Amino acid sequence: RKLRSWLNLLSETGPWPTCSAVVPKLGACRCAPVLCSDSCQRGWRLLYILTAFHRCSEVLKPFLLKYLQQASRSTGAQYQGIAKACEQNLKKTFQHGGRLVPPSSMELKAMMAGRSSKRQLFLFPGGIERHVKIKTCTVALEAVEELCYEMGLHRLEAMEEYAIFLVTNRGALIQILPQT
């Protein structure tokens, strides 16, 4: 099943340009710079997806975290923003266990195009609607916290009284989402 998910992921990310003339030690590329830039960008986006869904081993974790921290803190670095997002994804994956449901093909295409968040509609009793910005690694607890802050509830005890219910098939299926 994991292999099938991995193959689906790779098929959704599109063709990967090859650059056999990359000098890894120097980070220099003797082939067309556009191909390498595109390849690097796709590589970072793939890492973004992987850090959101899969835990790395405990052995790799400190090295990967250190690499991502260095890349995200290097002023003027080309991929500084996505490196920071990968670092945050990895930390959340270790904290909450990563996503249980693999991304849909539509979500994968959006992530590979650089769109990693969406505005999700939340319905309150009485027909009140609120939108919250949801990212790849957002857990229900974070959405509840944001909605509570919007309502002026800042105490943890008050937030614990709220939950998110998933309503599908026009109300035919209703279930509570776990907070992590």
N, C-alpha and C. Protein backbone atom coordinates (compact mmCIF):
# COMPACT_ATOMS: atom_id res chain seq x y z
N ARG A 1 0.82 -1.20 0.00
CA ARG A 1 0.00 0.00 0.00
C ARG A 1 0.86 1.26 0.00
N LYS A 2 1.93 1.25 0.82
CA LYS A 2 2.80 2.42 0.87
C LYS A 2 3.51 2.61 -0.47
N LEU A 3 3.92 1.50 -1.09
CA LEU A 3 4.58 1.60 -2.39
C LEU A 3 3.63 2.20 -3.42
N ARG A 4 2.37 1.77 -3.40
CA ARG A 4 1.37 2.29 -4.33
C ARG A 4 1.18 3.80 -4.10
N SER A 5 1.13 4.22 -2.83
CA SER A 5 0.99 5.65 -2.52
C SER A 5 2.20 6.43 -3.04
N TRP A 6 3.38 5.87 -2.84
CA TRP A 6 4.62 6.52 -3.30
C TRP A 6 4.63 6.64 -4.83
N LEU A 7 4.24 5.59 -5.53
CA LEU A 7 4.21 5.64 -6.98
C LEU A 7 3.17 6.63 -7.48
N ASN A 8 2.02 6.69 -6.81
CA ASN A 8 1.00 7.68 -7.16
C ASN A 8 1.54 9.10 -6.97
N LEU A 9 2.25 9.30 -5.86
CA LEU A 9 2.84 10.61 -5.58
C LEU A 9 3.79 11.01 -6.68
N LEU A 10 4.69 10.12 -7.06
CA LEU A 10 5.65 10.45 -8.10
C LEU A 10 4.98 10.69 -9.45
N SER A 11 3.93 9.94 -9.75
CA SER A 11 3.25 10.14 -11.03
C SER A 11 2.52 11.49 -11.06
N GLU A 12 2.06 11.97 -9.91
CA GLU A 12 1.34 13.24 -9.86
C GLU A 12 2.26 14.45 -9.90
N THR A 13 3.55 14.25 -9.57
CA THR A 13 4.46 15.39 -9.50
C THR A 13 4.97 15.81 -10.87
N GLY A 14 4.69 15.03 -11.88
CA GLY A 14 5.08 15.40 -13.24
C GLY A 14 6.48 14.92 -13.57
N PRO A 15 6.93 15.23 -14.79
CA PRO A 15 8.25 14.75 -15.22
C PRO A 15 9.36 15.45 -14.45
N TRP A 16 10.36 14.70 -14.09
CA TRP A 16 11.50 15.25 -13.36
C TRP A 16 12.64 15.47 -14.34
N PRO A 17 13.09 16.73 -14.51
CA PRO A 17 14.22 16.97 -15.40
C PRO A 17 15.47 16.31 -14.85
N THR A 18 16.28 15.80 -15.72
CA THR A 18 17.51 15.16 -15.27
C THR A 18 18.68 16.10 -15.46
N CYS A 19 19.58 16.07 -14.55
CA CYS A 19 20.77 16.91 -14.63
C CYS A 19 21.93 16.07 -14.15
N SER A 20 22.55 15.36 -15.05
CA SER A 20 23.61 14.43 -14.67
C SER A 20 24.93 15.16 -14.42
N ALA A 21 25.02 16.43 -14.76
CA ALA A 21 26.28 17.15 -14.61
C ALA A 21 26.30 17.99 -13.34
N VAL A 22 25.56 17.60 -12.33
CA VAL A 22 25.56 18.34 -11.08
C VAL A 22 26.78 17.95 -10.26
N VAL A 23 27.47 18.93 -9.75
CA VAL A 23 28.61 18.67 -8.88
C VAL A 23 28.11 18.86 -7.46
N PRO A 24 27.75 17.76 -6.77
CA PRO A 24 27.11 17.88 -5.46
C PRO A 24 27.90 18.68 -4.44
N LYS A 25 29.22 18.52 -4.41
CA LYS A 25 30.01 19.17 -3.38
C LYS A 25 29.93 20.70 -3.50
N LEU A 26 29.94 21.20 -4.71
CA LEU A 26 29.92 22.64 -4.92
C LEU A 26 28.52 23.18 -5.15
N GLY A 27 27.60 22.30 -5.44
CA GLY A 27 26.25 22.74 -5.73
C GLY A 27 26.16 23.42 -7.09
N ALA A 28 27.18 23.24 -7.91
CA ALA A 28 27.21 23.88 -9.22
C ALA A 28 26.60 22.94 -10.26
N CYS A 29 26.10 23.53 -11.30
CA CYS A 29 25.47 22.74 -12.35
C CYS A 29 25.99 23.21 -13.69
N ARG A 30 26.43 22.27 -14.51
CA ARG A 30 26.95 22.65 -15.82
C ARG A 30 25.92 22.46 -16.92
N CYS A 31 24.74 21.99 -16.58
CA CYS A 31 23.70 21.86 -17.60
C CYS A 31 22.85 23.11 -17.60
N ALA A 32 21.75 23.09 -18.32
CA ALA A 32 20.89 24.27 -18.40
C ALA A 32 20.41 24.68 -17.00
N PRO A 33 20.71 25.90 -16.55
CA PRO A 33 20.32 26.33 -15.20
C PRO A 33 18.82 26.23 -14.93
N VAL A 34 18.01 26.42 -15.96
CA VAL A 34 16.56 26.34 -15.77
C VAL A 34 16.16 24.94 -15.34
N LEU A 35 16.77 23.93 -15.96
CA LEU A 35 16.45 22.55 -15.59
C LEU A 35 16.82 22.27 -14.15
N CYS A 36 17.99 22.70 -13.73
CA CYS A 36 18.42 22.45 -12.36
C CYS A 36 17.56 23.22 -11.37
N SER A 37 17.23 24.45 -11.70
CA SER A 37 16.38 25.24 -10.83
C SER A 37 15.02 24.58 -10.67
N ASP A 38 14.45 24.13 -11.79
CA ASP A 38 13.16 23.44 -11.76
C ASP A 38 13.27 22.15 -10.97
N SER A 39 14.36 21.42 -11.17
CA SER A 39 14.56 20.16 -10.47
C SER A 39 14.71 20.39 -8.96
N CYS A 40 15.45 21.42 -8.58
CA CYS A 40 15.62 21.74 -7.16
C CYS A 40 14.30 22.13 -6.53
N GLN A 41 13.55 22.93 -7.26
CA GLN A 41 12.25 23.36 -6.74
C GLN A 41 11.33 22.17 -6.55
N ARG A 42 11.29 21.25 -7.51
CA ARG A 42 10.47 20.05 -7.39
C ARG A 42 10.97 19.17 -6.24
N GLY A 43 12.28 19.10 -6.07
CA GLY A 43 12.85 18.32 -4.97
C GLY A 43 12.43 18.87 -3.62
N TRP A 44 12.49 20.20 -3.45
CA TRP A 44 12.06 20.82 -2.20
C TRP A 44 10.57 20.60 -1.97
N ARG A 45 9.77 20.68 -3.01
CA ARG A 45 8.33 20.47 -2.85
C ARG A 45 8.04 19.01 -2.50
N LEU A 46 8.79 18.09 -3.07
CA LEU A 46 8.62 16.68 -2.70
C LEU A 46 9.01 16.47 -1.24
N LEU A 47 10.10 17.10 -0.80
CA LEU A 47 10.50 17.00 0.60
C LEU A 47 9.43 17.60 1.50
N TYR A 48 8.80 18.69 1.06
CA TYR A 48 7.70 19.30 1.82
C TYR A 48 6.58 18.28 2.02
N ILE A 49 6.23 17.57 0.97
CA ILE A 49 5.16 16.56 1.05
C ILE A 49 5.58 15.42 1.97
N LEU A 50 6.79 14.94 1.80
CA LEU A 50 7.26 13.80 2.61
C LEU A 50 7.35 14.15 4.09
N THR A 51 7.81 15.36 4.41
CA THR A 51 7.91 15.73 5.82
C THR A 51 6.54 15.91 6.45
N ALA A 52 5.52 16.10 5.63
CA ALA A 52 4.16 16.25 6.15
C ALA A 52 3.48 14.90 6.38
N PHE A 53 3.94 13.84 5.73
CA PHE A 53 3.22 12.58 5.77
C PHE A 53 3.99 11.42 6.40
N HIS A 54 5.31 11.48 6.37
CA HIS A 54 6.09 10.33 6.85
C HIS A 54 7.13 10.77 7.86
N ARG A 55 7.24 9.97 8.90
CA ARG A 55 8.32 10.21 9.87
C ARG A 55 9.61 9.64 9.29
N CYS A 56 10.69 10.37 9.52
CA CYS A 56 11.98 9.78 9.17
C CYS A 56 12.45 9.00 10.40
N SER A 57 13.53 8.27 10.26
CA SER A 57 14.03 7.47 11.38
C SER A 57 14.61 8.40 12.45
N GLU A 58 14.71 7.86 13.65
CA GLU A 58 15.30 8.63 14.76
C GLU A 58 16.77 8.92 14.48
N VAL A 59 17.41 8.08 13.70
CA VAL A 59 18.82 8.28 13.35
C VAL A 59 18.96 9.47 12.39
N LEU A 60 18.07 9.55 11.40
CA LEU A 60 18.14 10.63 10.41
C LEU A 60 17.62 11.96 10.95
N LYS A 61 16.70 11.91 11.88
CA LYS A 61 16.01 13.11 12.36
C LYS A 61 16.94 14.26 12.74
N PRO A 62 17.96 14.07 13.60
CA PRO A 62 18.79 15.23 13.98
C PRO A 62 19.55 15.83 12.80
N PHE A 63 19.98 14.99 11.87
CA PHE A 63 20.72 15.48 10.71
C PHE A 63 19.80 16.25 9.76
N LEU A 64 18.61 15.71 9.54
CA LEU A 64 17.64 16.36 8.66
C LEU A 64 17.18 17.69 9.27
N LEU A 65 16.90 17.68 10.57
CA LEU A 65 16.50 18.92 11.24
C LEU A 65 17.60 19.98 11.16
N LYS A 66 18.83 19.56 11.39
CA LYS A 66 19.95 20.51 11.33
C LYS A 66 20.09 21.09 9.92
N TYR A 67 19.97 20.23 8.91
CA TYR A 67 20.06 20.69 7.52
C TYR A 67 18.95 21.70 7.21
N LEU A 68 17.72 21.35 7.61
CA LEU A 68 16.58 22.23 7.32
C LEU A 68 16.71 23.55 8.08
N GLN A 69 17.21 23.50 9.32
CA GLN A 69 17.39 24.72 10.10
C GLN A 69 18.45 25.62 9.46
N GLN A 70 19.54 25.01 9.01
CA GLN A 70 20.59 25.80 8.35
C GLN A 70 20.07 26.42 7.06
N ALA A 71 19.33 25.63 6.28
CA ALA A 71 18.80 26.12 5.00
C ALA A 71 17.77 27.23 5.22
N SER A 72 17.00 27.13 6.28
CA SER A 72 15.95 28.13 6.51
C SER A 72 16.49 29.40 7.17
N ARG A 73 17.65 29.32 7.78
CA ARG A 73 18.22 30.49 8.46
C ARG A 73 19.31 31.19 7.66
N SER A 74 19.65 30.62 6.50
CA SER A 74 20.67 31.23 5.65
C SER A 74 20.06 32.43 4.94
N THR A 75 20.52 33.62 5.31
CA THR A 75 19.93 34.82 4.70
C THR A 75 20.24 34.85 3.21
N GLY A 76 19.19 35.10 2.45
CA GLY A 76 19.33 35.18 1.01
C GLY A 76 19.33 33.84 0.30
N ALA A 77 19.17 32.75 1.03
CA ALA A 77 19.15 31.43 0.40
C ALA A 77 17.92 31.31 -0.49
N GLN A 78 18.10 30.64 -1.62
CA GLN A 78 17.04 30.57 -2.62
C GLN A 78 15.80 29.84 -2.12
N TYR A 79 15.97 28.79 -1.35
CA TYR A 79 14.84 27.97 -0.90
C TYR A 79 14.60 28.10 0.59
N GLN A 80 14.88 29.27 1.14
CA GLN A 80 14.77 29.52 2.57
C GLN A 80 13.35 29.30 3.10
N GLY A 81 12.36 29.78 2.39
CA GLY A 81 10.97 29.68 2.84
C GLY A 81 10.47 28.25 2.88
N ILE A 82 10.72 27.49 1.83
CA ILE A 82 10.24 26.12 1.80
C ILE A 82 11.04 25.24 2.76
N ALA A 83 12.30 25.60 3.00
CA ALA A 83 13.09 24.85 3.99
C ALA A 83 12.48 25.01 5.38
N LYS A 84 12.03 26.23 5.71
CA LYS A 84 11.38 26.49 6.99
C LYS A 84 10.07 25.71 7.09
N ALA A 85 9.31 25.68 5.99
CA ALA A 85 8.05 24.92 5.97
C ALA A 85 8.31 23.43 6.15
N CYS A 86 9.36 22.91 5.54
CA CYS A 86 9.72 21.49 5.70
C CYS A 86 10.10 21.19 7.16
N GLU A 87 10.85 22.11 7.77
CA GLU A 87 11.23 21.96 9.17
C GLU A 87 9.99 21.92 10.07
N GLN A 88 9.05 22.83 9.83
CA GLN A 88 7.82 22.85 10.62
C GLN A 88 7.00 21.57 10.40
N ASN A 89 6.92 21.11 9.15
CA ASN A 89 6.21 19.87 8.85
C ASN A 89 6.82 18.70 9.60
N LEU A 90 8.15 18.60 9.57
CA LEU A 90 8.83 17.49 10.22
C LEU A 90 8.57 17.50 11.73
N LYS A 91 8.63 18.67 12.33
CA LYS A 91 8.38 18.77 13.77
C LYS A 91 6.95 18.35 14.11
N LYS A 92 5.99 18.81 13.30
CA LYS A 92 4.59 18.43 13.54
C LYS A 92 4.38 16.94 13.31
N THR A 93 5.05 16.38 12.33
CA THR A 93 4.92 14.96 12.05
C THR A 93 5.40 14.15 13.24
N PHE A 94 6.49 14.56 13.86
CA PHE A 94 6.97 13.84 15.05
C PHE A 94 6.08 14.10 16.25
N GLN A 95 5.50 15.28 16.34
CA GLN A 95 4.62 15.61 17.46
C GLN A 95 3.27 14.90 17.36
N HIS A 96 2.67 14.90 16.17
CA HIS A 96 1.31 14.38 16.00
C HIS A 96 1.23 13.08 15.21
N GLY A 97 2.34 12.64 14.63
CA GLY A 97 2.32 11.37 13.91
C GLY A 97 2.09 11.46 12.42
N GLY A 98 2.00 12.64 11.86
CA GLY A 98 1.81 12.78 10.42
C GLY A 98 0.37 12.53 10.01
N ARG A 99 0.08 12.82 8.78
CA ARG A 99 -1.27 12.63 8.27
C ARG A 99 -1.56 11.16 8.07
N LEU A 100 -2.77 10.77 8.37
CA LEU A 100 -3.18 9.38 8.20
C LEU A 100 -3.70 9.11 6.80
N VAL A 101 -4.32 10.11 6.19
CA VAL A 101 -4.91 9.96 4.87
C VAL A 101 -3.95 10.55 3.83
N PRO A 102 -3.56 9.77 2.83
CA PRO A 102 -2.67 10.31 1.80
C PRO A 102 -3.35 11.44 1.04
N PRO A 103 -2.57 12.35 0.48
CA PRO A 103 -3.17 13.48 -0.23
C PRO A 103 -3.86 13.01 -1.51
N SER A 104 -4.92 13.70 -1.86
CA SER A 104 -5.61 13.41 -3.12
C SER A 104 -4.75 13.90 -4.28
N SER A 105 -5.06 13.47 -5.47
CA SER A 105 -4.28 13.91 -6.63
C SER A 105 -4.40 15.42 -6.80
N MET A 106 -5.56 15.98 -6.50
CA MET A 106 -5.76 17.42 -6.60
C MET A 106 -4.87 18.17 -5.60
N GLU A 107 -4.78 17.64 -4.37
CA GLU A 107 -3.93 18.27 -3.36
C GLU A 107 -2.46 18.15 -3.74
N LEU A 108 -2.06 17.00 -4.28
CA LEU A 108 -0.67 16.83 -4.72
C LEU A 108 -0.31 17.82 -5.83
N LYS A 109 -1.20 17.97 -6.78
CA LYS A 109 -0.94 18.91 -7.88
C LYS A 109 -0.81 20.32 -7.34
N ALA A 110 -1.66 20.69 -6.39
CA ALA A 110 -1.58 22.03 -5.79
C ALA A 110 -0.25 22.21 -5.06
N MET A 111 0.19 21.20 -4.30
CA MET A 111 1.45 21.30 -3.56
C MET A 111 2.63 21.38 -4.51
N MET A 112 2.60 20.60 -5.59
CA MET A 112 3.70 20.64 -6.55
C MET A 112 3.73 21.96 -7.32
N ALA A 113 2.60 22.65 -7.35
CA ALA A 113 2.54 23.97 -7.98
C ALA A 113 2.90 25.08 -6.99
N GLY A 114 3.20 24.69 -5.74
CA GLY A 114 3.62 25.67 -4.74
C GLY A 114 2.52 26.18 -3.84
N ARG A 115 1.33 25.61 -3.95
CA ARG A 115 0.22 26.04 -3.09
C ARG A 115 0.06 25.02 -1.97
N SER A 116 0.39 25.43 -0.75
CA SER A 116 0.39 24.48 0.37
C SER A 116 -0.68 24.78 1.41
N SER A 117 -1.56 25.71 1.12
CA SER A 117 -2.62 26.01 2.08
C SER A 117 -3.91 26.35 1.34
N LYS A 118 -5.00 26.27 2.08
CA LYS A 118 -6.29 26.65 1.52
C LYS A 118 -7.14 27.22 2.65
N ARG A 119 -8.15 27.95 2.27
CA ARG A 119 -9.09 28.49 3.25
C ARG A 119 -10.24 27.52 3.38
N GLN A 120 -10.37 26.93 4.57
CA GLN A 120 -11.40 25.93 4.84
C GLN A 120 -12.59 26.59 5.53
N LEU A 121 -13.76 26.27 5.07
CA LEU A 121 -14.99 26.80 5.65
C LEU A 121 -15.39 25.97 6.87
N PHE A 122 -15.71 26.66 7.97
CA PHE A 122 -16.22 26.03 9.18
C PHE A 122 -17.60 26.61 9.45
N LEU A 123 -18.55 25.74 9.73
CA LEU A 123 -19.92 26.17 10.00
C LEU A 123 -20.20 26.08 11.50
N PHE A 124 -20.77 27.15 12.04
CA PHE A 124 -21.15 27.19 13.44
C PHE A 124 -22.66 27.07 13.54
N PRO A 125 -23.14 26.68 14.72
CA PRO A 125 -24.60 26.66 14.90
C PRO A 125 -25.19 28.03 14.59
N GLY A 126 -26.36 28.02 14.00
CA GLY A 126 -27.01 29.28 13.62
C GLY A 126 -26.62 29.75 12.24
N GLY A 127 -25.89 28.91 11.49
CA GLY A 127 -25.52 29.26 10.13
C GLY A 127 -24.34 30.21 10.00
N ILE A 128 -23.61 30.43 11.08
CA ILE A 128 -22.45 31.33 11.04
C ILE A 128 -21.30 30.60 10.35
N GLU A 129 -20.64 31.31 9.42
CA GLU A 129 -19.53 30.73 8.66
C GLU A 129 -18.23 31.44 9.02
N ARG A 130 -17.17 30.67 9.16
CA ARG A 130 -15.83 31.19 9.39
C ARG A 130 -14.87 30.42 8.50
N HIS A 131 -13.85 31.13 8.00
CA HIS A 131 -12.81 30.50 7.20
C HIS A 131 -11.51 30.49 8.00
N VAL A 132 -10.78 29.38 7.92
CA VAL A 132 -9.49 29.26 8.57
C VAL A 132 -8.49 28.77 7.53
N LYS A 133 -7.31 29.35 7.54
CA LYS A 133 -6.26 28.93 6.62
C LYS A 133 -5.69 27.59 7.11
N ILE A 134 -5.85 26.56 6.29
CA ILE A 134 -5.41 25.21 6.62
C ILE A 134 -4.20 24.87 5.77
N LYS A 135 -3.16 24.36 6.42
CA LYS A 135 -1.96 23.92 5.70
C LYS A 135 -1.92 22.40 5.68
N THR A 136 -0.93 21.88 5.00
CA THR A 136 -0.78 20.43 4.86
C THR A 136 -0.73 19.72 6.19
N CYS A 137 -0.07 20.29 7.17
CA CYS A 137 0.12 19.64 8.47
C CYS A 137 -0.79 20.17 9.56
N THR A 138 -1.78 20.95 9.23
CA THR A 138 -2.68 21.49 10.25
C THR A 138 -3.49 20.35 10.86
N VAL A 139 -3.52 20.31 12.19
CA VAL A 139 -4.34 19.32 12.89
C VAL A 139 -5.58 20.02 13.44
N ALA A 140 -6.59 19.24 13.76
CA ALA A 140 -7.88 19.78 14.21
C ALA A 140 -7.70 20.69 15.43
N LEU A 141 -6.81 20.34 16.33
CA LEU A 141 -6.56 21.14 17.53
C LEU A 141 -6.17 22.58 17.16
N GLU A 142 -5.32 22.73 16.16
CA GLU A 142 -4.89 24.06 15.74
C GLU A 142 -6.06 24.87 15.16
N ALA A 143 -6.92 24.20 14.40
CA ALA A 143 -8.09 24.88 13.84
C ALA A 143 -9.04 25.31 14.96
N VAL A 144 -9.23 24.43 15.95
CA VAL A 144 -10.09 24.77 17.10
C VAL A 144 -9.50 25.96 17.84
N GLU A 145 -8.20 25.97 18.08
CA GLU A 145 -7.55 27.08 18.78
C GLU A 145 -7.75 28.39 18.02
N GLU A 146 -7.55 28.35 16.71
CA GLU A 146 -7.70 29.57 15.92
C GLU A 146 -9.13 30.08 15.95
N LEU A 147 -10.09 29.17 15.83
CA LEU A 147 -11.49 29.57 15.89
C LEU A 147 -11.86 30.12 17.27
N CYS A 148 -11.32 29.51 18.32
CA CYS A 148 -11.59 30.00 19.68
C CYS A 148 -10.99 31.39 19.88
N TYR A 149 -9.77 31.62 19.40
CA TYR A 149 -9.17 32.96 19.50
C TYR A 149 -10.03 33.99 18.79
N GLU A 150 -10.57 33.60 17.62
CA GLU A 150 -11.45 34.49 16.88
C GLU A 150 -12.71 34.84 17.67
N MET A 151 -13.18 33.88 18.49
CA MET A 151 -14.37 34.12 19.32
C MET A 151 -14.03 34.79 20.64
N GLY A 152 -12.73 35.04 20.87
CA GLY A 152 -12.31 35.71 22.10
C GLY A 152 -12.06 34.76 23.26
N LEU A 153 -11.97 33.46 22.98
CA LEU A 153 -11.69 32.46 24.02
C LEU A 153 -10.19 32.17 24.04
N HIS A 154 -9.54 32.52 25.13
CA HIS A 154 -8.09 32.37 25.19
C HIS A 154 -7.64 31.37 26.25
N ARG A 155 -8.54 30.92 27.09
CA ARG A 155 -8.18 29.97 28.14
C ARG A 155 -8.24 28.55 27.58
N LEU A 156 -7.29 27.73 27.96
CA LEU A 156 -7.21 26.35 27.49
C LEU A 156 -8.45 25.56 27.89
N GLU A 157 -8.96 25.81 29.09
CA GLU A 157 -10.15 25.10 29.56
C GLU A 157 -11.35 25.36 28.64
N ALA A 158 -11.48 26.57 28.17
CA ALA A 158 -12.59 26.92 27.28
C ALA A 158 -12.42 26.25 25.92
N MET A 159 -11.18 26.19 25.44
CA MET A 159 -10.91 25.57 24.14
C MET A 159 -11.19 24.07 24.16
N GLU A 160 -10.98 23.45 25.31
CA GLU A 160 -11.17 21.99 25.41
C GLU A 160 -12.64 21.59 25.26
N GLU A 161 -13.54 22.55 25.36
CA GLU A 161 -14.97 22.26 25.23
C GLU A 161 -15.42 22.21 23.77
N TYR A 162 -14.53 22.56 22.85
CA TYR A 162 -14.90 22.61 21.44
C TYR A 162 -14.25 21.47 20.66
N ALA A 163 -14.92 21.08 19.60
CA ALA A 163 -14.41 20.02 18.71
C ALA A 163 -14.88 20.33 17.29
N ILE A 164 -14.28 19.64 16.35
CA ILE A 164 -14.67 19.80 14.95
C ILE A 164 -15.37 18.52 14.50
N PHE A 165 -16.54 18.71 13.91
CA PHE A 165 -17.29 17.59 13.35
C PHE A 165 -17.16 17.66 11.84
N LEU A 166 -16.88 16.54 11.24
CA LEU A 166 -16.79 16.43 9.79
C LEU A 166 -18.16 16.01 9.27
N VAL A 167 -18.71 16.82 8.39
CA VAL A 167 -20.03 16.52 7.81
C VAL A 167 -19.83 16.27 6.32
N THR A 168 -20.22 15.09 5.86
CA THR A 168 -20.07 14.75 4.44
C THR A 168 -21.40 14.23 3.90
N ASN A 169 -21.46 14.10 2.61
CA ASN A 169 -22.66 13.59 1.92
C ASN A 169 -23.91 14.36 2.34
N ARG A 170 -23.76 15.69 2.39
CA ARG A 170 -24.88 16.58 2.74
C ARG A 170 -25.53 16.21 4.07
N GLY A 171 -24.70 15.91 5.05
CA GLY A 171 -25.21 15.62 6.38
C GLY A 171 -25.49 14.16 6.65
N ALA A 172 -25.31 13.30 5.66
CA ALA A 172 -25.59 11.87 5.85
C ALA A 172 -24.56 11.22 6.77
N LEU A 173 -23.33 11.71 6.76
CA LEU A 173 -22.28 11.14 7.59
C LEU A 173 -21.68 12.26 8.43
N ILE A 174 -21.73 12.09 9.75
CA ILE A 174 -21.16 13.08 10.67
C ILE A 174 -20.26 12.36 11.65
N GLN A 175 -19.01 12.85 11.76
CA GLN A 175 -18.08 12.24 12.71
C GLN A 175 -17.21 13.32 13.32
N ILE A 176 -16.76 13.07 14.53
CA ILE A 176 -15.88 14.04 15.20
C ILE A 176 -14.45 13.76 14.78
N LEU A 177 -13.69 14.83 14.55
CA LEU A 177 -12.29 14.68 14.17
C LEU A 177 -11.42 14.63 15.42
N PRO A 178 -10.47 13.69 15.46
CA PRO A 178 -9.54 13.69 16.59
C PRO A 178 -8.70 14.98 16.56
N GLN A 179 -8.28 15.46 17.72
CA GLN A 179 -7.59 16.74 17.77
C GLN A 179 -6.16 16.68 17.27
N THR A 180 -5.58 15.50 17.15
CA THR A 180 -4.21 15.43 16.63
C THR A 180 -4.17 14.66 15.34
